[in-house]
C-alpha atoms as a PDB file:
ATOM      1  CA  MET A   1      51.451  90.983 183.347  1.00  0.00           C
ATOM      2  CA  LYS A   2      53.097  89.191 180.383  1.00  0.00           C
ATOM      3  CA  LEU A   3      51.874  91.910 178.006  1.00  0.00           C
ATOM      4  CA  ARG A   4      53.355  94.617 180.235  1.00  0.00           C
ATOM      5  CA  LEU A   5      56.712  92.770 180.391  1.00  0.00           C
ATOM      6  CA  PHE A   6      56.681  92.223 176.617  1.00  0.00           C
ATOM      7  CA  SER A   7      55.898  95.928 176.041  1.00  0.00           C
ATOM      8  CA  PHE A   8      58.721  96.948 178.368  1.00  0.00           C
ATOM      9  CA  LEU A   9      61.212  94.648 176.601  1.00  0.00           C
ATOM     10  CA  LEU A  10      60.094  95.871 173.183  1.00  0.00           C
ATOM     11  CA  PHE A  11      60.454  99.507 174.278  1.00  0.00           C
ATOM     12  CA  SER A  12      63.912  98.784 175.766  1.00  0.00           C
ATOM     13  CA  ALA A  13      65.072  97.149 172.528  1.00  0.00           C
ATOM     14  CA  PHE A  14      63.778 100.105 170.489  1.00  0.00           C
ATOM     15  CA  LEU A  15      65.539 102.565 172.809  1.00  0.00           C
ATOM     16  CA  ALA A  16      68.839 100.635 172.577  1.00  0.00           C
ATOM     17  CA  LEU A  17      68.659 100.551 168.768  1.00  0.00           C
ATOM     18  CA  SER A  18      67.827 104.250 168.679  1.00  0.00           C
ATOM     19  CA  CYS A  19      70.814 105.112 170.906  1.00  0.00           C
ATOM     20  CA  ALA A  20      73.158 102.950 168.822  1.00  0.00           C
ATOM     21  CA  SER A  21      71.916 104.715 165.691  1.00  0.00           C
ATOM     22  CA  GLU A  22      72.581 108.131 167.249  1.00  0.00           C
ATOM     23  CA  VAL A  23      76.122 107.103 168.215  1.00  0.00           C
ATOM     24  CA  ARG A  24      76.782 105.812 164.673  1.00  0.00           C
ATOM     25  CA  GLU A  25      75.484 109.098 163.231  1.00  0.00           C
ATOM     26  CA  ALA A  26      77.681 111.113 165.617  1.00  0.00           C
ATOM     27  CA  ASN A  27      80.764 109.113 164.575  1.00  0.00           C
ATOM     28  CA  ILE A  28      79.954 109.638 160.885  1.00  0.00           C
ATOM     29  CA  ASN A  29      79.748 113.380 161.577  1.00  0.00           C
ATOM     30  CA  GLN A  30      83.056 113.235 163.471  1.00  0.00           C
ATOM     31  CA  ASP A  31      84.716 111.430 160.557  1.00  0.00           C
ATOM     32  CA  LYS A  32      83.460 114.145 158.182  1.00  0.00           C
ATOM     33  CA  SER A  33      84.726 116.909 160.499  1.00  0.00           C
ATOM     34  CA  ILE A  34      88.113 115.198 160.675  1.00  0.00           C
ATOM     35  CA  ASP A  35      88.301 114.838 156.877  1.00  0.00           C
ATOM     36  CA  ASP A  36      87.305 118.502 156.421  1.00  0.00           C
ATOM     37  CA  PHE A  37      89.902 119.593 158.998  1.00  0.00           C
ATOM     38  CA  ILE A  38      92.672 117.658 157.260  1.00  0.00           C
ATOM     39  CA  SER A  39      91.760 118.823 153.751  1.00  0.00           C
ATOM     40  CA  SER A  40      91.419 122.491 154.773  1.00  0.00           C
ATOM     41  CA  LYS A  41      94.489 122.830 157.019  1.00  0.00           C
ATOM     42  CA  TYR A  42      96.871 120.040 156.014  1.00  0.00           C
ATOM     43  CA  ALA A  43      96.281 119.449 152.302  1.00  0.00           C
ATOM     44  CA  ASP A  44     100.015 119.823 151.548  1.00  0.00           C
ATOM     45  CA  TYR A  45     101.175 117.448 154.285  1.00  0.00           C
ATOM     46  CA  THR A  46     101.722 113.701 154.130  1.00  0.00           C
ATOM     47  CA  VAL A  47      98.726 111.931 155.667  1.00  0.00           C
ATOM     48  CA  TYR A  48      98.560 108.232 156.478  1.00  0.00           C
ATOM     49  CA  HIS A  49      95.259 106.462 157.129  1.00  0.00           C
ATOM     50  CA  ASN A  50      94.799 103.250 159.087  1.00  0.00           C
ATOM     51  CA  GLY A  51      91.175 102.321 159.627  1.00  0.00           C
ATOM     52  CA  GLY A  52      89.423 105.370 161.062  1.00  0.00           C
ATOM     53  CA  THR A  53      92.684 106.942 162.211  1.00  0.00           C
ATOM     54  CA  SER A  54      94.700 109.579 160.337  1.00  0.00           C
ATOM     55  CA  ARG A  55      98.328 110.547 161.019  1.00  0.00           C
ATOM     56  CA  ILE A  56      99.367 113.938 159.639  1.00  0.00           C
ATOM     57  CA  VAL A  57     103.159 114.242 159.439  1.00  0.00           C
ATOM     58  CA  LEU A  58     104.223 117.749 160.478  1.00  0.00           C
ATOM     59  CA  VAL A  59     107.975 117.078 160.646  1.00  0.00           C
ATOM     60  CA  GLU A  60     109.412 114.013 158.937  1.00  0.00           C
ATOM     61  CA  GLY A  61     111.894 111.848 160.795  1.00  0.00           C
ATOM     62  CA  PRO A  62     115.318 111.555 159.126  1.00  0.00           C
ATOM     63  CA  GLU A  63     115.580 109.231 156.123  1.00  0.00           C
ATOM     64  CA  GLY A  64     116.700 105.803 157.297  1.00  0.00           C
ATOM     65  CA  ALA A  65     115.576 106.394 160.908  1.00  0.00           C
ATOM     66  CA  PRO A  66     113.797 103.451 162.524  1.00  0.00           C
ATOM     67  CA  VAL A  67     110.019 103.276 162.187  1.00  0.00           C
ATOM     68  CA  ILE A  68     107.541 102.120 164.803  1.00  0.00           C
ATOM     69  CA  GLU A  69     106.380  98.536 164.348  1.00  0.00           C
ATOM     70  CA  LYS A  70     104.170  96.331 166.508  1.00  0.00           C
ATOM     71  CA  GLY A  71     106.137  95.153 169.544  1.00  0.00           C
ATOM     72  CA  ASP A  72     108.518  98.123 169.656  1.00  0.00           C
ATOM     73  CA  SER A  73     108.964 100.128 172.831  1.00  0.00           C
ATOM     74  CA  VAL A  74     108.457 103.787 171.935  1.00  0.00           C
ATOM     75  CA  TYR A  75     109.046 106.950 173.918  1.00  0.00           C
ATOM     76  CA  LEU A  76     106.620 109.713 172.968  1.00  0.00           C
ATOM     77  CA  TYR A  77     106.054 113.320 173.888  1.00  0.00           C
ATOM     78  CA  TYR A  78     102.363 114.024 173.443  1.00  0.00           C
ATOM     79  CA  ALA A  79      99.499 116.389 174.034  1.00  0.00           C
ATOM     80  CA  GLY A  80      95.919 115.196 173.735  1.00  0.00           C
ATOM     81  CA  TYR A  81      93.016 117.385 172.649  1.00  0.00           C
ATOM     82  CA  ILE A  82      89.293 116.924 172.329  1.00  0.00           C
ATOM     83  CA  PHE A  83      88.501 117.361 168.645  1.00  0.00           C
ATOM     84  CA  GLY A  84      85.525 119.643 167.924  1.00  0.00           C
ATOM     85  CA  ASN A  85      83.758 120.320 164.624  1.00  0.00           C
ATOM     86  CA  SER A  86      86.556 122.567 163.346  1.00  0.00           C
ATOM     87  CA  GLY A  87      89.614 121.129 165.057  1.00  0.00           C
ATOM     88  CA  PRO A  88      91.199 120.650 168.467  1.00  0.00           C
ATOM     89  CA  THR A  89      89.503 122.490 171.307  1.00  0.00           C
ATOM     90  CA  THR A  90      90.330 121.456 174.876  1.00  0.00           C
ATOM     91  CA  GLN A  91      93.691 120.046 175.910  1.00  0.00           C
ATOM     92  CA  PHE A  92      93.214 117.155 178.337  1.00  0.00           C
ATOM     93  CA  VAL A  93      96.731 115.772 178.704  1.00  0.00           C
ATOM     94  CA  LEU A  94     100.353 116.858 178.245  1.00  0.00           C
ATOM     95  CA  ASP A  95     102.816 114.113 179.019  1.00  0.00           C
ATOM     96  CA  SER A  96     105.567 111.809 177.836  1.00  0.00           C
ATOM     97  CA  GLY A  97     106.201 108.155 178.346  1.00  0.00           C
ATOM     98  CA  MET A  98     107.347 104.782 177.101  1.00  0.00           C
ATOM     99  CA  PHE A  99     104.745 102.568 175.429  1.00  0.00           C
ATOM    100  CA  LEU A 100     104.713  99.141 173.830  1.00  0.00           C
ATOM    101  CA  ALA A 101     103.302  99.597 170.324  1.00  0.00           C
ATOM    102  CA  GLY A 102     100.559  97.187 169.322  1.00  0.00           C
ATOM    103  CA  ALA A 103     100.138  95.637 172.766  1.00  0.00           C
ATOM    104  CA  GLY A 104      96.585  96.899 173.225  1.00  0.00           C
ATOM    105  CA  LYS A 105      97.585  99.148 176.130  1.00  0.00           C
ATOM    106  CA  LEU A 106      96.714 102.353 174.257  1.00  0.00           C
ATOM    107  CA  ILE A 107      93.376 103.437 172.854  1.00  0.00           C
ATOM    108  CA  LYS A 108      92.728 102.049 169.372  1.00  0.00           C
ATOM    109  CA  GLY A 109      93.304 105.363 167.573  1.00  0.00           C
ATOM    110  CA  LEU A 110      96.844 105.614 168.918  1.00  0.00           C
ATOM    111  CA  GLU A 111      97.508 101.904 168.311  1.00  0.00           C
ATOM    112  CA  ASP A 112      96.431 102.439 164.682  1.00  0.00           C
ATOM    113  CA  GLY A 113      98.212 105.783 164.249  1.00  0.00           C
ATOM    114  CA  LEU A 114     101.694 104.978 165.558  1.00  0.00           C
ATOM    115  CA  PRO A 115     102.917 102.220 163.189  1.00  0.00           C
ATOM    116  CA  GLY A 116     105.111 103.670 160.462  1.00  0.00           C
ATOM    117  CA  ALA A 117     106.023 106.830 162.395  1.00  0.00           C
ATOM    118  CA  ARG A 118     109.782 107.493 162.293  1.00  0.00           C
ATOM    119  CA  LEU A 119     112.141 108.383 165.090  1.00  0.00           C
ATOM    120  CA  GLY A 120     112.204 112.193 165.228  1.00  0.00           C
ATOM    121  CA  GLU A 121     108.805 112.536 163.550  1.00  0.00           C
ATOM    122  CA  GLU A 122     106.298 115.058 164.797  1.00  0.00           C
ATOM    123  CA  SER A 123     102.726 114.379 163.795  1.00  0.00           C
ATOM    124  CA  LEU A 124      99.056 114.706 164.607  1.00  0.00           C
ATOM    125  CA  ILE A 125      96.996 111.565 165.126  1.00  0.00           C
ATOM    126  CA  VAL A 126      93.257 112.176 164.895  1.00  0.00           C
ATOM    127  CA  PHE A 127      90.298 109.797 165.188  1.00  0.00           C
ATOM    128  CA  SER A 128      86.613 109.598 166.085  1.00  0.00           C
ATOM    129  CA  ALA A 129      85.178 108.407 169.394  1.00  0.00           C
ATOM    130  CA  ASP A 130      84.874 104.884 167.944  1.00  0.00           C
ATOM    131  CA  ASP A 131      88.667 104.593 168.109  1.00  0.00           C
ATOM    132  CA  GLY A 132      88.978 106.579 171.351  1.00  0.00           C
ATOM    133  CA  TYR A 133      87.065 106.133 174.575  1.00  0.00           C
ATOM    134  CA  GLY A 134      83.712 105.580 172.852  1.00  0.00           C
ATOM    135  CA  THR A 135      80.682 106.061 175.082  1.00  0.00           C
ATOM    136  CA  THR A 136      82.790 106.271 178.248  1.00  0.00           C
ATOM    137  CA  SER A 137      83.846 109.519 179.912  1.00  0.00           C
ATOM    138  CA  VAL A 138      87.495 109.394 181.036  1.00  0.00           C
ATOM    139  CA  GLY A 139      88.915 112.220 183.138  1.00  0.00           C
ATOM    140  CA  LEU A 140      88.415 115.466 181.227  1.00  0.00           C
ATOM    141  CA  VAL A 141      87.270 113.626 178.083  1.00  0.00           C
ATOM    142  CA  PRO A 142      83.484 113.456 177.734  1.00  0.00           C
ATOM    143  CA  GLU A 143      81.797 110.436 176.176  1.00  0.00           C
ATOM    144  CA  ASN A 144      81.649 110.257 172.368  1.00  0.00           C
ATOM    145  CA  SER A 145      84.614 112.615 171.905  1.00  0.00           C
ATOM    146  CA  ALA A 146      86.797 112.603 168.814  1.00  0.00           C
ATOM    147  CA  LEU A 147      90.454 113.061 169.812  1.00  0.00           C
ATOM    148  CA  LEU A 148      93.618 114.575 168.389  1.00  0.00           C
ATOM    149  CA  PHE A 149      97.096 113.782 169.702  1.00  0.00           C
ATOM    150  CA  ASP A 150     100.106 115.940 168.880  1.00  0.00           C
ATOM    151  CA  ILE A 151     103.044 113.525 169.202  1.00  0.00           C
ATOM    152  CA  GLY A 152     106.805 113.521 168.930  1.00  0.00           C
ATOM    153  CA  VAL A 153     108.661 110.222 168.582  1.00  0.00           C
ATOM    154  CA  ALA A 154     111.711 110.533 170.861  1.00  0.00           C
ATOM    155  CA  ALA A 155     112.955 106.922 170.989  1.00  0.00           C
ATOM    156  CA  ILE A 156     112.239 103.534 169.433  1.00  0.00           C
ATOM    157  CA  LYS A 157     113.620 100.340 170.944  1.00  0.00           C
ATOM    158  CA  LYS A 158     113.262  97.263 168.746  1.00  0.00           C
ATOM    159  CA  ASN A 159     112.175  94.316 170.872  1.00  0.00           C
ATOM    160  CA  PRO A 160     112.913  90.709 169.894  1.00  0.00           C
END
């Protein structure tokens, strides 16, 4: 009985390590796809990197306009897409709303991509599943999905 339990636990540990390795490999492949996408389609654009998140500036906000900092309330227009091997594929959200930057209310990729964006800026924020929903399916977004958000910064309110 003890040998059977030990064998089961050993097999379970091996399976968990194997799954974690597959997820890591998938995220490495997503990061490469994202890098290839940026270098092939947006080589002439300004790109900011924060951790595993990239923000591609499509339209710069006016010089001297406020920039998003942690603690600011920001109003965004956004569309979210599942990011496939060669770019965005399926749109899963089209919305607008007010968010508190850096409060941990958004997925990590957006939290990392928003700081530094200017009022009036239009940009793409793209990141692997590690910085998105990870191994969880959410609505139309399957597990382990890289994501791309097309955002417009409509308002920034500096909070004390």
